[in-house]
C-alpha atoms as a PDB file:
ATOM      1  CA  MET A   1      -1.819-211.317-221.184  1.00  0.00           C
ATOM      2  CA  SER A   2       1.127-212.070-218.888  1.00  0.00           C
ATOM      3  CA  TYR A   3       1.877-210.489-215.543  1.00  0.00           C
ATOM      4  CA  VAL A   4       5.407-209.544-214.431  1.00  0.00           C
ATOM      5  CA  ASP A   5       7.032-209.125-211.035  1.00  0.00           C
ATOM      6  CA  GLY A   6      10.077-206.839-211.211  1.00  0.00           C
ATOM      7  CA  PHE A   7      12.939-206.542-208.733  1.00  0.00           C
ATOM      8  CA  VAL A   8      16.021-204.389-208.229  1.00  0.00           C
ATOM      9  CA  VAL A   9      18.520-205.197-205.462  1.00  0.00           C
ATOM     10  CA  PRO A  10      22.116-204.248-204.631  1.00  0.00           C
ATOM     11  CA  VAL A  11      24.480-207.212-204.221  1.00  0.00           C
ATOM     12  CA  PRO A  12      28.098-207.068-203.034  1.00  0.00           C
ATOM     13  CA  ALA A  13      30.303-207.678-206.079  1.00  0.00           C
ATOM     14  CA  ASP A  14      32.205-210.432-204.280  1.00  0.00           C
ATOM     15  CA  LYS A  15      28.925-212.307-203.653  1.00  0.00           C
ATOM     16  CA  LYS A  16      28.068-212.765-207.342  1.00  0.00           C
ATOM     17  CA  GLU A  17      28.357-216.571-207.314  1.00  0.00           C
ATOM     18  CA  ALA A  18      26.438-216.871-204.038  1.00  0.00           C
ATOM     19  CA  TYR A  19      23.699-214.678-205.513  1.00  0.00           C
ATOM     20  CA  ARG A  20      23.639-216.704-208.744  1.00  0.00           C
ATOM     21  CA  ALA A  21      23.270-219.934-206.764  1.00  0.00           C
ATOM     22  CA  LEU A  22      20.442-218.469-204.674  1.00  0.00           C
ATOM     23  CA  ALA A  23      18.734-217.093-207.791  1.00  0.00           C
ATOM     24  CA  GLU A  24      18.954-220.476-209.508  1.00  0.00           C
ATOM     25  CA  LYS A  25      17.379-222.179-206.491  1.00  0.00           C
ATOM     26  CA  ALA A  26      14.634-219.540-206.244  1.00  0.00           C
ATOM     27  CA  ALA A  27      13.937-219.685-209.993  1.00  0.00           C
ATOM     28  CA  ALA A  28      13.233-223.409-209.761  1.00  0.00           C
ATOM     29  CA  VAL A  29      10.749-222.752-206.944  1.00  0.00           C
ATOM     30  CA  PHE A  30       8.994-219.950-208.854  1.00  0.00           C
ATOM     31  CA  LYS A  31       8.728-222.139-211.958  1.00  0.00           C
ATOM     32  CA  LYS A  32       7.451-225.069-209.886  1.00  0.00           C
ATOM     33  CA  HIS A  33       4.637-222.802-208.712  1.00  0.00           C
ATOM     34  CA  GLY A  34       3.599-221.416-212.098  1.00  0.00           C
ATOM     35  CA  ALA A  35       6.100-218.816-213.301  1.00  0.00           C
ATOM     36  CA  THR A  36       6.872-219.192-217.003  1.00  0.00           C
ATOM     37  CA  ARG A  37      10.176-217.311-216.998  1.00  0.00           C
ATOM     38  CA  VAL A  38      12.696-216.000-214.461  1.00  0.00           C
ATOM     39  CA  VAL A  39      15.438-213.583-215.553  1.00  0.00           C
ATOM     40  CA  GLU A  40      18.322-212.330-213.387  1.00  0.00           C
ATOM     41  CA  CYS A  41      20.608-209.592-214.769  1.00  0.00           C
ATOM     42  CA  TRP A  42      23.924-208.579-213.173  1.00  0.00           C
ATOM     43  CA  GLY A  43      24.548-204.840-213.620  1.00  0.00           C
ATOM     44  CA  ASP A  44      27.204-204.133-216.212  1.00  0.00           C
ATOM     45  CA  ASP A  45      26.469-200.616-217.496  1.00  0.00           C
ATOM     46  CA  VAL A  46      24.454-198.859-214.780  1.00  0.00           C
ATOM     47  CA  PRO A  47      25.216-195.129-215.022  1.00  0.00           C
ATOM     48  CA  ASP A  48      24.789-192.556-212.303  1.00  0.00           C
ATOM     49  CA  GLY A  49      21.747-190.388-213.006  1.00  0.00           C
ATOM     50  CA  LYS A  50      21.342-186.649-212.638  1.00  0.00           C
ATOM     51  CA  ILE A  51      18.132-186.909-210.610  1.00  0.00           C
ATOM     52  CA  THR A  52      17.674-190.608-209.842  1.00  0.00           C
ATOM     53  CA  ASP A  53      19.036-193.963-210.947  1.00  0.00           C
ATOM     54  CA  PHE A  54      19.043-197.667-210.155  1.00  0.00           C
ATOM     55  CA  LYS A  55      21.846-197.331-207.589  1.00  0.00           C
ATOM     56  CA  GLY A  56      20.058-194.568-205.727  1.00  0.00           C
ATOM     57  CA  ALA A  57      16.768-196.455-205.733  1.00  0.00           C
ATOM     58  CA  VAL A  58      18.318-199.289-203.719  1.00  0.00           C
ATOM     59  CA  LYS A  59      20.928-197.206-201.867  1.00  0.00           C
ATOM     60  CA  ALA A  60      23.763-199.196-203.442  1.00  0.00           C
ATOM     61  CA  GLN A  61      27.067-198.771-201.623  1.00  0.00           C
ATOM     62  CA  PRO A  62      30.580-198.797-203.102  1.00  0.00           C
ATOM     63  CA  GLY A  63      31.437-202.372-204.027  1.00  0.00           C
ATOM     64  CA  GLU A  64      27.820-203.331-204.714  1.00  0.00           C
ATOM     65  CA  VAL A  65      26.339-204.198-208.096  1.00  0.00           C
ATOM     66  CA  VAL A  66      22.717-203.561-209.042  1.00  0.00           C
ATOM     67  CA  VAL A  67      20.785-206.681-210.048  1.00  0.00           C
ATOM     68  CA  PHE A  68      17.670-206.268-212.191  1.00  0.00           C
ATOM     69  CA  SER A  69      15.292-209.226-212.283  1.00  0.00           C
ATOM     70  CA  TRP A  70      11.844-210.208-213.427  1.00  0.00           C
ATOM     71  CA  ILE A  71       9.480-213.130-213.186  1.00  0.00           C
ATOM     72  CA  VAL A  72       6.826-213.737-215.839  1.00  0.00           C
ATOM     73  CA  TRP A  73       3.502-215.302-214.879  1.00  0.00           C
ATOM     74  CA  PRO A  74       0.580-216.345-217.102  1.00  0.00           C
ATOM     75  CA  SER A  75      -1.712-213.869-215.283  1.00  0.00           C
ATOM     76  CA  LYS A  76      -2.007-211.818-212.106  1.00  0.00           C
ATOM     77  CA  GLU A  77      -4.192-214.547-210.625  1.00  0.00           C
ATOM     78  CA  ALA A  78      -1.508-217.168-211.365  1.00  0.00           C
ATOM     79  CA  ARG A  79       1.079-214.849-209.815  1.00  0.00           C
ATOM     80  CA  ASP A  80      -0.956-214.301-206.649  1.00  0.00           C
ATOM     81  CA  GLU A  81      -1.552-218.034-206.246  1.00  0.00           C
ATOM     82  CA  GLY A  82       2.041-218.918-207.177  1.00  0.00           C
ATOM     83  CA  ASN A  83       3.604-216.361-204.835  1.00  0.00           C
ATOM     84  CA  LYS A  84       1.556-217.697-201.945  1.00  0.00           C
ATOM     85  CA  LYS A  85       2.885-221.200-202.648  1.00  0.00           C
ATOM     86  CA  VAL A  86       6.441-219.873-203.107  1.00  0.00           C
ATOM     87  CA  MET A  87       6.380-218.216-199.675  1.00  0.00           C
ATOM     88  CA  GLU A  88       5.199-221.510-198.118  1.00  0.00           C
ATOM     89  CA  ASP A  89       7.785-223.608-199.982  1.00  0.00           C
ATOM     90  CA  PRO A  90      10.499-224.913-197.611  1.00  0.00           C
ATOM     91  CA  LEU A  91      13.154-224.356-200.295  1.00  0.00           C
ATOM     92  CA  MET A  92      12.571-220.609-199.935  1.00  0.00           C
ATOM     93  CA  ASN A  93      13.548-220.665-196.260  1.00  0.00           C
ATOM     94  CA  MET A  94      16.146-217.895-196.336  1.00  0.00           C
ATOM     95  CA  ASP A  95      17.497-215.769-193.553  1.00  0.00           C
ATOM     96  CA  ASN A  96      19.817-212.791-193.324  1.00  0.00           C
ATOM     97  CA  GLU A  97      22.733-215.087-192.499  1.00  0.00           C
ATOM     98  CA  THR A  98      22.555-216.969-195.804  1.00  0.00           C
ATOM     99  CA  THR A  99      21.121-214.317-198.139  1.00  0.00           C
ATOM    100  CA  PRO A 100      23.999-212.634-200.030  1.00  0.00           C
ATOM    101  CA  PHE A 101      22.301-209.214-200.123  1.00  0.00           C
ATOM    102  CA  ASP A 102      20.379-206.777-197.923  1.00  0.00           C
ATOM    103  CA  ALA A 103      16.746-207.649-198.685  1.00  0.00           C
ATOM    104  CA  LYS A 104      15.555-204.464-196.946  1.00  0.00           C
ATOM    105  CA  ARG A 105      16.951-202.473-199.894  1.00  0.00           C
ATOM    106  CA  MET A 106      15.238-204.547-202.578  1.00  0.00           C
ATOM    107  CA  ILE A 107      12.545-202.757-204.536  1.00  0.00           C
ATOM    108  CA  PHE A 108       9.844-204.756-206.282  1.00  0.00           C
ATOM    109  CA  GLY A 109       6.420-204.529-207.819  1.00  0.00           C
ATOM    110  CA  GLY A 110       3.874-206.276-210.001  1.00  0.00           C
ATOM    111  CA  PHE A 111       3.172-205.035-213.508  1.00  0.00           C
ATOM    112  CA  ASP A 112       0.514-205.585-216.160  1.00  0.00           C
ATOM    113  CA  VAL A 113       2.175-206.141-219.521  1.00  0.00           C
ATOM    114  CA  LEU A 114       1.451-203.157-221.764  1.00  0.00           C
ATOM    115  CA  LEU A 115       3.513-204.208-224.795  1.00  0.00           C
ATOM    116  CA  ASP A 116       5.386-207.417-225.615  1.00  0.00           C
ATOM    117  CA  VAL A 117       6.888-207.573-229.109  1.00  0.00           C
END
């Protein structure tokens, strides 16, 4: 069954197009190295929670929007191999000057698919 990498990151609202462009570039690299699907979602209805929430998880500041993303891989092995190649790919050469978000506040993880209907 598939394997999924999930991400949540706060992005300044005025950097939406810069983020979209970066995400499009990154998606092509992930797909080149074996990902079967890349999905980027711009927060539209992200409520404040009573105990925790998406905004709190990434310490979103006023004026930032939470982005929820995932990458689907054929397997964990394909993901591990693909991610290694992605990190070595020159197209993924990003720095804090050109990245339209604070990568230190990104949360991410790898997940075994439990149900896919």
